[in-house]
PDB file of N, CA and C in Angstrom:
ATOM      1  N   MET A   1      56.462  77.041 175.113  1.00  0.00           N
ATOM      2  CA  MET A   1      55.873  76.349 175.093  1.00  0.00           C
ATOM      3  C   MET A   1      55.789  75.974 176.994  1.00  0.00           C
ATOM      4  N   GLN A   2      54.565  75.149 176.804  1.00  0.00           N
ATOM      5  CA  GLN A   2      54.166  74.895 178.560  1.00  0.00           C
ATOM      6  C   GLN A   2      54.290  73.551 178.260  1.00  0.00           C
ATOM      7  N   TYR A   3      54.867  73.436 179.635  1.00  0.00           N
ATOM      8  CA  TYR A   3      55.763  71.982 180.301  1.00  0.00           C
ATOM      9  C   TYR A   3      54.545  71.781 181.367  1.00  0.00           C
ATOM     10  N   LEU A   4      54.187  70.763 181.333  1.00  0.00           N
ATOM     11  CA  LEU A   4      53.387  70.296 182.866  1.00  0.00           C
ATOM     12  C   LEU A   4      54.309  68.830 183.336  1.00  0.00           C
ATOM     13  N   ILE A   5      53.766  68.550 184.641  1.00  0.00           N
ATOM     14  CA  ILE A   5      54.189  67.201 185.233  1.00  0.00           C
ATOM     15  C   ILE A   5      53.013  66.797 186.084  1.00  0.00           C
ATOM     16  N   ILE A   6      52.041  65.437 185.802  1.00  0.00           N
ATOM     17  CA  ILE A   6      51.143  64.806 186.636  1.00  0.00           C
ATOM     18  C   ILE A   6      51.853  64.268 187.607  1.00  0.00           C
ATOM     19  N   ASP A   7      51.632  64.535 188.522  1.00  0.00           N
ATOM     20  CA  ASP A   7      52.160  63.570 189.726  1.00  0.00           C
ATOM     21  C   ASP A   7      50.840  63.462 191.276  1.00  0.00           C
ATOM     22  N   GLY A   8      51.010  63.171 191.761  1.00  0.00           N
ATOM     23  CA  GLY A   8      49.772  62.885 193.023  1.00  0.00           C
ATOM     24  C   GLY A   8      50.214  62.753 193.985  1.00  0.00           C
ATOM     25  N   MET A   9      50.975  64.092 194.384  1.00  0.00           N
ATOM     26  CA  MET A   9      51.447  64.526 195.394  1.00  0.00           C
ATOM     27  C   MET A   9      50.864  64.623 196.540  1.00  0.00           C
ATOM     28  N   LEU A  10      51.176  64.856 197.665  1.00  0.00           N
ATOM     29  CA  LEU A  10      50.041  64.316 198.827  1.00  0.00           C
ATOM     30  C   LEU A  10      49.570  66.174 198.496  1.00  0.00           C
ATOM     31  N   SER A  11      50.002  67.500 198.580  1.00  0.00           N
ATOM     32  CA  SER A  11      49.717  68.342 198.859  1.00  0.00           C
ATOM     33  C   SER A  11      49.363  69.073 197.466  1.00  0.00           C
ATOM     34  N   GLY A  12      49.260  68.875 196.300  1.00  0.00           N
ATOM     35  CA  GLY A  12      49.363  68.998 195.422  1.00  0.00           C
ATOM     36  C   GLY A  12      47.921  69.162 194.477  1.00  0.00           C
ATOM     37  N   THR A  13      47.676  69.567 193.345  1.00  0.00           N
ATOM     38  CA  THR A  13      46.560  69.110 192.341  1.00  0.00           C
ATOM     39  C   THR A  13      46.290  67.945 191.883  1.00  0.00           C
ATOM     40  N   GLY A  14      47.558  67.451 191.461  1.00  0.00           N
ATOM     41  CA  GLY A  14      47.967  67.024 190.511  1.00  0.00           C
ATOM     42  C   GLY A  14      48.848  67.062 188.901  1.00  0.00           C
ATOM     43  N   VAL A  15      48.637  68.549 188.707  1.00  0.00           N
ATOM     44  CA  VAL A  15      48.904  69.081 187.525  1.00  0.00           C
ATOM     45  C   VAL A  15      49.901  70.131 188.387  1.00  0.00           C
ATOM     46  N   ARG A  16      51.550  70.128 188.076  1.00  0.00           N
ATOM     47  CA  ARG A  16      52.595  71.185 188.142  1.00  0.00           C
ATOM     48  C   ARG A  16      53.086  71.494 186.840  1.00  0.00           C
ATOM     49  N   ASP A  17      53.620  72.966 186.728  1.00  0.00           N
ATOM     50  CA  ASP A  17      54.043  73.783 186.123  1.00  0.00           C
ATOM     51  C   ASP A  17      55.792  73.347 186.250  1.00  0.00           C
ATOM     52  N   ALA A  18      55.984  72.575 185.492  1.00  0.00           N
ATOM     53  CA  ALA A  18      58.077  71.964 185.823  1.00  0.00           C
ATOM     54  C   ALA A  18      58.374  73.160 185.702  1.00  0.00           C
ATOM     55  N   ILE A  19      58.481  74.216 185.066  1.00  0.00           N
ATOM     56  CA  ILE A  19      59.470  75.267 185.226  1.00  0.00           C
ATOM     57  C   ILE A  19      59.660  75.713 186.091  1.00  0.00           C
ATOM     58  N   THR A  20      58.253  76.120 187.017  1.00  0.00           N
ATOM     59  CA  THR A  20      57.917  77.175 188.374  1.00  0.00           C
ATOM     60  C   THR A  20      57.780  75.960 189.281  1.00  0.00           C
ATOM     61  N   GLY A  21      57.528  74.954 189.158  1.00  0.00           N
ATOM     62  CA  GLY A  21      57.459  74.019 190.281  1.00  0.00           C
ATOM     63  C   GLY A  21      56.113  73.989 191.140  1.00  0.00           C
ATOM     64  N   ASP A  22      55.261  75.161 190.566  1.00  0.00           N
ATOM     65  CA  ASP A  22      53.812  75.513 191.285  1.00  0.00           C
ATOM     66  C   ASP A  22      52.706  74.707 190.914  1.00  0.00           C
ATOM     67  N   TYR A  23      52.137  73.896 191.218  1.00  0.00           N
ATOM     68  CA  TYR A  23      50.984  73.755 191.465  1.00  0.00           C
ATOM     69  C   TYR A  23      49.945  74.283 190.547  1.00  0.00           C
ATOM     70  N   LEU A  24      49.144  73.291 189.403  1.00  0.00           N
ATOM     71  CA  LEU A  24      48.296  74.634 188.869  1.00  0.00           C
ATOM     72  C   LEU A  24      46.740  74.444 189.129  1.00  0.00           C
ATOM     73  N   ASP A  25      46.193  75.181 189.161  1.00  0.00           N
ATOM     74  CA  ASP A  25      44.808  75.214 189.728  1.00  0.00           C
ATOM     75  C   ASP A  25      44.344  74.445 188.118  1.00  0.00           C
ATOM     76  N   LEU A  26      43.246  73.041 188.534  1.00  0.00           N
ATOM     77  CA  LEU A  26      42.976  72.286 187.231  1.00  0.00           C
ATOM     78  C   LEU A  26      41.677  73.168 186.193  1.00  0.00           C
ATOM     79  N   LYS A  27      41.219  74.243 187.183  1.00  0.00           N
ATOM     80  CA  LYS A  27      40.151  75.166 186.438  1.00  0.00           C
ATOM     81  C   LYS A  27      40.662  75.891 184.998  1.00  0.00           C
ATOM     82  N   ASN A  28      41.775  75.874 185.603  1.00  0.00           N
ATOM     83  CA  ASN A  28      42.720  77.057 184.494  1.00  0.00           C
ATOM     84  C   ASN A  28      43.333  76.247 183.786  1.00  0.00           C
ATOM     85  N   VAL A  29      43.858  75.018 183.180  1.00  0.00           N
ATOM     86  CA  VAL A  29      44.414  74.626 182.784  1.00  0.00           C
ATOM     87  C   VAL A  29      44.447  73.883 181.455  1.00  0.00           C
ATOM     88  N   GLY A  30      42.295  74.083 181.455  1.00  0.00           N
ATOM     89  CA  GLY A  30      42.153  74.038 180.012  1.00  0.00           C
ATOM     90  C   GLY A  30      41.899  72.235 179.913  1.00  0.00           C
ATOM     91  N   LEU A  31      41.605  71.036 180.906  1.00  0.00           N
ATOM     92  CA  LEU A  31      41.135  70.190 180.906  1.00  0.00           C
ATOM     93  C   LEU A  31      39.398  70.151 180.534  1.00  0.00           C
ATOM     94  N   SER A  32      38.986  69.186 180.062  1.00  0.00           N
ATOM     95  CA  SER A  32      38.099  68.444 180.036  1.00  0.00           C
ATOM     96  C   SER A  32      37.369  68.129 181.623  1.00  0.00           C
ATOM     97  N   ALA A  33      36.342  68.671 181.820  1.00  0.00           N
ATOM     98  CA  ALA A  33      35.518  68.019 183.077  1.00  0.00           C
ATOM     99  C   ALA A  33      35.988  66.189 183.080  1.00  0.00           C
ATOM    100  N   ASP A  34      35.677  66.069 182.627  1.00  0.00           N
ATOM    101  CA  ASP A  34      35.538  64.679 182.726  1.00  0.00           C
ATOM    102  C   ASP A  34      36.961  64.475 183.213  1.00  0.00           C
ATOM    103  N   LEU A  35      38.214  64.551 182.545  1.00  0.00           N
ATOM    104  CA  LEU A  35      39.947  64.537 183.016  1.00  0.00           C
ATOM    105  C   LEU A  35      39.795  65.409 184.622  1.00  0.00           C
ATOM    106  N   THR A  36      39.783  66.652 184.325  1.00  0.00           N
ATOM    107  CA  THR A  36      39.373  66.970 186.120  1.00  0.00           C
ATOM    108  C   THR A  36      39.048  66.103 186.620  1.00  0.00           C
ATOM    109  N   LYS A  37      38.009  65.295 187.016  1.00  0.00           N
ATOM    110  CA  LYS A  37      37.571  64.690 187.411  1.00  0.00           C
ATOM    111  C   LYS A  37      38.232  63.262 188.143  1.00  0.00           C
ATOM    112  N   ARG A  38      38.633  63.001 186.562  1.00  0.00           N
ATOM    113  CA  ARG A  38      39.703  61.468 186.240  1.00  0.00           C
ATOM    114  C   ARG A  38      40.994  62.108 188.003  1.00  0.00           C
ATOM    115  N   ILE A  39      41.562  63.291 187.886  1.00  0.00           N
ATOM    116  CA  ILE A  39      42.496  63.609 188.626  1.00  0.00           C
ATOM    117  C   ILE A  39      41.853  63.742 189.856  1.00  0.00           C
ATOM    118  N   ALA A  40      40.930  64.270 189.400  1.00  0.00           N
ATOM    119  CA  ALA A  40      40.591  64.475 191.578  1.00  0.00           C
ATOM    120  C   ALA A  40      40.535  63.115 191.645  1.00  0.00           C
ATOM    121  N   SER A  41      40.026  62.006 191.358  1.00  0.00           N
ATOM    122  CA  SER A  41      40.075  60.583 191.981  1.00  0.00           C
ATOM    123  C   SER A  41      41.207  60.171 191.960  1.00  0.00           C
ATOM    124  N   TRP A  42      41.813  60.127 190.990  1.00  0.00           N
ATOM    125  CA  TRP A  42      43.378  59.438 191.513  1.00  0.00           C
ATOM    126  C   TRP A  42      44.043  60.151 192.542  1.00  0.00           C
ATOM    127  N   LEU A  43      43.728  61.534 192.447  1.00  0.00           N
ATOM    128  CA  LEU A  43      44.933  61.992 193.711  1.00  0.00           C
ATOM    129  C   LEU A  43      44.102  61.585 194.782  1.00  0.00           C
ATOM    130  N   ILE A  44      43.036  60.774 195.144  1.00  0.00           N
ATOM    131  CA  ILE A  44      42.620  60.856 196.531  1.00  0.00           C
ATOM    132  C   ILE A  44      42.503  59.345 197.069  1.00  0.00           C
ATOM    133  N   ALA A  45      43.029  58.315 195.875  1.00  0.00           N
ATOM    134  CA  ALA A  45      43.801  56.938 195.428  1.00  0.00           C
ATOM    135  C   ALA A  45      44.829  57.256 195.946  1.00  0.00           C
ATOM    136  N   TYR A  46      45.517  57.668 195.475  1.00  0.00           N
ATOM    137  CA  TYR A  46      47.275  58.542 195.685  1.00  0.00           C
ATOM    138  C   TYR A  46      47.431  58.429 197.149  1.00  0.00           C
ATOM    139  N   GLU A  47      46.724  59.211 197.569  1.00  0.00           N
ATOM    140  CA  GLU A  47      46.631  59.824 198.882  1.00  0.00           C
ATOM    141  C   GLU A  47      46.784  58.634 200.007  1.00  0.00           C
ATOM    142  N   SER A  48      45.236  58.296 200.115  1.00  0.00           N
ATOM    143  CA  SER A  48      45.559  56.538 200.700  1.00  0.00           C
ATOM    144  C   SER A  48      47.292  55.794 200.460  1.00  0.00           C
ATOM    145  N   ALA A  49      47.500  55.740 199.480  1.00  0.00           N
ATOM    146  CA  ALA A  49      48.567  55.021 199.592  1.00  0.00           C
ATOM    147  C   ALA A  49      49.445  55.740 199.793  1.00  0.00           C
ATOM    148  N   HIS A  50      49.988  56.896 200.272  1.00  0.00           N
ATOM    149  CA  HIS A  50      50.798  57.614 200.488  1.00  0.00           C
ATOM    150  C   HIS A  50      50.837  57.497 201.915  1.00  0.00           C
ATOM    151  N   TYR A  51      49.452  57.799 202.426  1.00  0.00           N
ATOM    152  CA  TYR A  51      49.350  57.159 204.125  1.00  0.00           C
ATOM    153  C   TYR A  51      49.349  55.588 204.704  1.00  0.00           C
ATOM    154  N   SER A  52      49.400  54.872 203.340  1.00  0.00           N
ATOM    155  CA  SER A  52      49.970  53.761 203.863  1.00  0.00           C
ATOM    156  C   SER A  52      52.242  53.466 203.681  1.00  0.00           C
ATOM    157  N   GLN A  53      51.741  54.526 203.575  1.00  0.00           N
ATOM    158  CA  GLN A  53      53.793  53.720 203.298  1.00  0.00           C
ATOM    159  C   GLN A  53      53.985  53.570 201.701  1.00  0.00           C
ATOM    160  N   PHE A  54      53.282  54.002 200.712  1.00  0.00           N
ATOM    161  CA  PHE A  54      53.631  52.645 199.311  1.00  0.00           C
ATOM    162  C   PHE A  54      53.768  51.321 200.364  1.00  0.00           C
ATOM    163  N   GLY A  55      53.379  50.587 200.784  1.00  0.00           N
ATOM    164  CA  GLY A  55      53.684  49.894 201.024  1.00  0.00           C
ATOM    165  C   GLY A  55      52.945  48.326 200.026  1.00  0.00           C
ATOM    166  N   ASP A  56      52.226  48.770 199.469  1.00  0.00           N
ATOM    167  CA  ASP A  56      51.788  47.843 198.385  1.00  0.00           C
ATOM    168  C   ASP A  56      52.173  47.869 196.886  1.00  0.00           C
ATOM    169  N   LYS A  57      52.640  47.250 196.592  1.00  0.00           N
ATOM    170  CA  LYS A  57      53.361  47.003 194.959  1.00  0.00           C
ATOM    171  C   LYS A  57      52.445  47.465 193.869  1.00  0.00           C
ATOM    172  N   ALA A  58      51.281  46.337 194.103  1.00  0.00           N
ATOM    173  CA  ALA A  58      50.636  46.182 193.256  1.00  0.00           C
ATOM    174  C   ALA A  58      49.653  47.376 193.592  1.00  0.00           C
ATOM    175  N   VAL A  59      49.321  47.783 194.568  1.00  0.00           N
ATOM    176  CA  VAL A  59      48.457  49.392 194.153  1.00  0.00           C
ATOM    177  C   VAL A  59      49.277  50.603 193.928  1.00  0.00           C
ATOM    178  N   ASN A  60      50.222  50.756 194.154  1.00  0.00           N
ATOM    179  CA  ASN A  60      50.997  51.385 193.778  1.00  0.00           C
ATOM    180  C   ASN A  60      51.558  51.496 191.827  1.00  0.00           C
ATOM    181  N   ASP A  61      51.511  50.872 191.499  1.00  0.00           N
ATOM    182  CA  ASP A  61      51.735  50.324 189.714  1.00  0.00           C
ATOM    183  C   ASP A  61      50.215  50.375 189.264  1.00  0.00           C
ATOM    184  N   ARG A  62      48.944  50.320 189.952  1.00  0.00           N
ATOM    185  CA  ARG A  62      47.980  50.476 189.075  1.00  0.00           C
ATOM    186  C   ARG A  62      47.564  52.223 189.516  1.00  0.00           C
ATOM    187  N   LEU A  63      48.033  52.776 190.290  1.00  0.00           N
ATOM    188  CA  LEU A  63      48.538  54.135 190.322  1.00  0.00           C
ATOM    189  C   LEU A  63      48.826  54.880 189.284  1.00  0.00           C
ATOM    190  N   ASP A  64      50.128  54.398 189.555  1.00  0.00           N
ATOM    191  CA  ASP A  64      51.003  54.394 188.086  1.00  0.00           C
ATOM    192  C   ASP A  64      50.634  54.327 186.701  1.00  0.00           C
ATOM    193  N   GLN A  65      49.968  53.533 186.661  1.00  0.00           N
ATOM    194  CA  GLN A  65      49.539  53.107 185.337  1.00  0.00           C
ATOM    195  C   GLN A  65      47.958  53.511 184.566  1.00  0.00           C
ATOM    196  N   GLU A  66      47.292  54.021 186.193  1.00  0.00           N
ATOM    197  CA  GLU A  66      46.321  55.116 186.204  1.00  0.00           C
ATOM    198  C   GLU A  66      47.234  56.583 185.862  1.00  0.00           C
ATOM    199  N   GLY A  67      47.832  57.561 186.724  1.00  0.00           N
ATOM    200  CA  GLY A  67      49.064  58.613 186.345  1.00  0.00           C
ATOM    201  C   GLY A  67      49.600  58.955 184.887  1.00  0.00           C
ATOM    202  N   ILE A  68      49.794  57.650 184.283  1.00  0.00           N
ATOM    203  CA  ILE A  68      50.529  57.450 183.061  1.00  0.00           C
ATOM    204  C   ILE A  68      48.658  57.760 182.235  1.00  0.00           C
ATOM    205  N   ALA A  69      48.128  57.404 182.448  1.00  0.00           N
ATOM    206  CA  ALA A  69      46.719  57.215 181.511  1.00  0.00           C
ATOM    207  C   ALA A  69      46.632  58.691 181.258  1.00  0.00           C
ATOM    208  N   ILE A  70      46.568  59.070 183.279  1.00  0.00           N
ATOM    209  CA  ILE A  70      45.976  60.850 183.105  1.00  0.00           C
ATOM    210  C   ILE A  70      47.252  61.468 181.977  1.00  0.00           C
ATOM    211  N   ALA A  71      48.636  61.226 182.142  1.00  0.00           N
ATOM    212  CA  ALA A  71      49.524  61.845 181.318  1.00  0.00           C
ATOM    213  C   ALA A  71      49.196  61.969 180.098  1.00  0.00           C
ATOM    214  N   MET A  72      48.817  60.985 179.421  1.00  0.00           N
ATOM    215  CA  MET A  72      48.628  60.587 177.715  1.00  0.00           C
ATOM    216  C   MET A  72      47.337  61.611 177.627  1.00  0.00           C
ATOM    217  N   ARG A  73      46.239  61.221 178.196  1.00  0.00           N
ATOM    218  CA  ARG A  73      44.657  62.086 178.198  1.00  0.00           C
ATOM    219  C   ARG A  73      45.427  63.840 177.792  1.00  0.00           C
ATOM    220  N   VAL A  74      46.075  64.231 179.375  1.00  0.00           N
ATOM    221  CA  VAL A  74      46.690  65.587 179.147  1.00  0.00           C
ATOM    222  C   VAL A  74      47.106  65.961 177.548  1.00  0.00           C
ATOM    223  N   ARG A  75      48.189  65.071 177.062  1.00  0.00           N
ATOM    224  CA  ARG A  75      48.884  65.546 176.409  1.00  0.00           C
ATOM    225  C   ARG A  75      47.751  65.109 174.881  1.00  0.00           C
ATOM    226  N   LYS A  76      46.846  64.531 174.684  1.00  0.00           N
ATOM    227  CA  LYS A  76      45.743  64.682 173.859  1.00  0.00           C
ATOM    228  C   LYS A  76      44.547  66.151 173.620  1.00  0.00           C
ATOM    229  N   GLU A  77      44.403  66.447 175.425  1.00  0.00           N
ATOM    230  CA  GLU A  77      43.735  67.122 174.846  1.00  0.00           C
ATOM    231  C   GLU A  77      44.364  68.660 174.709  1.00  0.00           C
ATOM    232  N   ARG A  78      45.652  68.708 175.344  1.00  0.00           N
ATOM    233  CA  ARG A  78      46.388  69.861 175.211  1.00  0.00           C
ATOM    234  C   ARG A  78      47.577  69.924 174.327  1.00  0.00           C
ATOM    235  N   PRO A  79      47.335  69.452 172.719  1.00  0.00           N
ATOM    236  CA  PRO A  79      48.080  69.475 171.875  1.00  0.00           C
ATOM    237  C   PRO A  79      49.249  70.842 172.105  1.00  0.00           C
ATOM    238  N   GLY A  80      50.949  70.040 171.805  1.00  0.00           N
ATOM    239  CA  GLY A  80      51.509  71.747 171.662  1.00  0.00           C
ATOM    240  C   GLY A  80      52.529  71.608 173.511  1.00  0.00           C
ATOM    241  N   VAL A  81      51.877  70.954 174.581  1.00  0.00           N
ATOM    242  CA  VAL A  81      52.327  70.992 175.550  1.00  0.00           C
ATOM    243  C   VAL A  81      53.459  69.578 175.656  1.00  0.00           C
ATOM    244  N   LYS A  82      54.562  70.225 176.444  1.00  0.00           N
ATOM    245  CA  LYS A  82      55.319  68.412 177.085  1.00  0.00           C
ATOM    246  C   LYS A  82      54.355  68.290 177.780  1.00  0.00           C
ATOM    247  N   VAL A  83      54.017  67.011 178.709  1.00  0.00           N
ATOM    248  CA  VAL A  83      53.459  66.701 179.346  1.00  0.00           C
ATOM    249  C   VAL A  83      54.368  65.013 179.982  1.00  0.00           C
ATOM    250  N   GLU A  84      54.605  65.244 181.424  1.00  0.00           N
ATOM    251  CA  GLU A  84      55.357  64.202 182.111  1.00  0.00           C
ATOM    252  C   GLU A  84      54.906  63.462 183.105  1.00  0.00           C
ATOM    253  N   TYR A  85      55.586  62.200 183.333  1.00  0.00           N
ATOM    254  CA  TYR A  85      54.727  61.901 184.385  1.00  0.00           C
ATOM    255  C   TYR A  85      55.472  61.515 185.934  1.00  0.00           C
ATOM    256  N   PHE A  86      55.331  61.757 186.982  1.00  0.00           N
ATOM    257  CA  PHE A  86      56.343  61.359 187.916  1.00  0.00           C
ATOM    258  C   PHE A  86      55.944  60.982 188.473  1.00  0.00           C
ATOM    259  N   SER A  87      56.059  59.506 189.554  1.00  0.00           N
ATOM    260  CA  SER A  87      55.468  58.447 190.276  1.00  0.00           C
ATOM    261  C   SER A  87      56.518  58.913 191.709  1.00  0.00           C
ATOM    262  N   ASN A  88      55.483  59.467 192.231  1.00  0.00           N
ATOM    263  CA  ASN A  88      55.837  59.796 193.729  1.00  0.00           C
ATOM    264  C   ASN A  88      56.064  58.207 194.746  1.00  0.00           C
ATOM    265  N   ALA A  89      55.245  56.886 194.354  1.00  0.00           N
ATOM    266  CA  ALA A  89      55.385  56.153 195.044  1.00  0.00           C
ATOM    267  C   ALA A  89      57.235  55.792 194.398  1.00  0.00           C
ATOM    268  N   GLN A  90      57.624  55.954 193.461  1.00  0.00           N
ATOM    269  CA  GLN A  90      58.327  55.327 193.425  1.00  0.00           C
ATOM    270  C   GLN A  90      59.827  56.409 192.815  1.00  0.00           C
ATOM    271  N   MET A  91      59.704  57.697 193.367  1.00  0.00           N
ATOM    272  CA  MET A  91      60.098  58.777 193.074  1.00  0.00           C
ATOM    273  C   MET A  91      60.961  58.727 192.085  1.00  0.00           C
ATOM    274  N   ARG A  92      60.453  58.584 190.981  1.00  0.00           N
ATOM    275  CA  ARG A  92      61.145  59.427 189.655  1.00  0.00           C
ATOM    276  C   ARG A  92      59.950  59.246 188.676  1.00  0.00           C
ATOM    277  N   LYS A  93      60.991  59.825 187.380  1.00  0.00           N
ATOM    278  CA  LYS A  93      59.711  60.097 186.266  1.00  0.00           C
ATOM    279  C   LYS A  93      59.725  58.953 185.551  1.00  0.00           C
ATOM    280  N   LEU A  94      58.985  58.467 185.373  1.00  0.00           N
ATOM    281  CA  LEU A  94      58.472  57.570 183.811  1.00  0.00           C
ATOM    282  C   LEU A  94      58.162  57.720 183.301  1.00  0.00           C
ATOM    283  N   PRO A  95      58.558  56.647 182.168  1.00  0.00           N
ATOM    284  CA  PRO A  95      58.720  57.592 180.727  1.00  0.00           C
ATOM    285  C   PRO A  95      57.245  56.618 180.394  1.00  0.00           C
ATOM    286  N   PHE A  96      56.120  56.902 179.305  1.00  0.00           N
ATOM    287  CA  PHE A  96      54.967  56.610 178.267  1.00  0.00           C
ATOM    288  C   PHE A  96      55.388  57.070 177.050  1.00  0.00           C
ATOM    289  N   ASP A  97      54.684  56.533 176.190  1.00  0.00           N
ATOM    290  CA  ASP A  97      54.209  56.898 174.876  1.00  0.00           C
ATOM    291  C   ASP A  97      53.040  56.978 174.044  1.00  0.00           C
ATOM    292  N   LEU A  98      52.752  58.070 173.165  1.00  0.00           N
ATOM    293  CA  LEU A  98      51.196  57.814 172.774  1.00  0.00           C
ATOM    294  C   LEU A  98      50.751  56.420 172.068  1.00  0.00           C
ATOM    295  N   SER A  99      52.056  55.877 171.655  1.00  0.00           N
ATOM    296  CA  SER A  99      51.365  54.647 170.933  1.00  0.00           C
ATOM    297  C   SER A  99      50.773  53.434 171.459  1.00  0.00           C
TER     298      SER A  99
END
């Protein structure tokens, strides 16, 4: 079983292999073009928050909500793959549900 973590880490691609810790090339993950673009846009916003030292809680919350929405979409596009979300602003995994 493949196990992915969605995160907005500054040096990452947004999708990490949870077993090896390696970031994955989005072209090789099997996601739709729309979702790949969405992840790229989200990473740019997360980068900006990082350079602001995550000082705006409202921005951080919006980024995490978007990250969770992305993780949920990855689950839908890749059934059978375990997907989790890690908040870089909070430095912890955030739970989410598909319902």
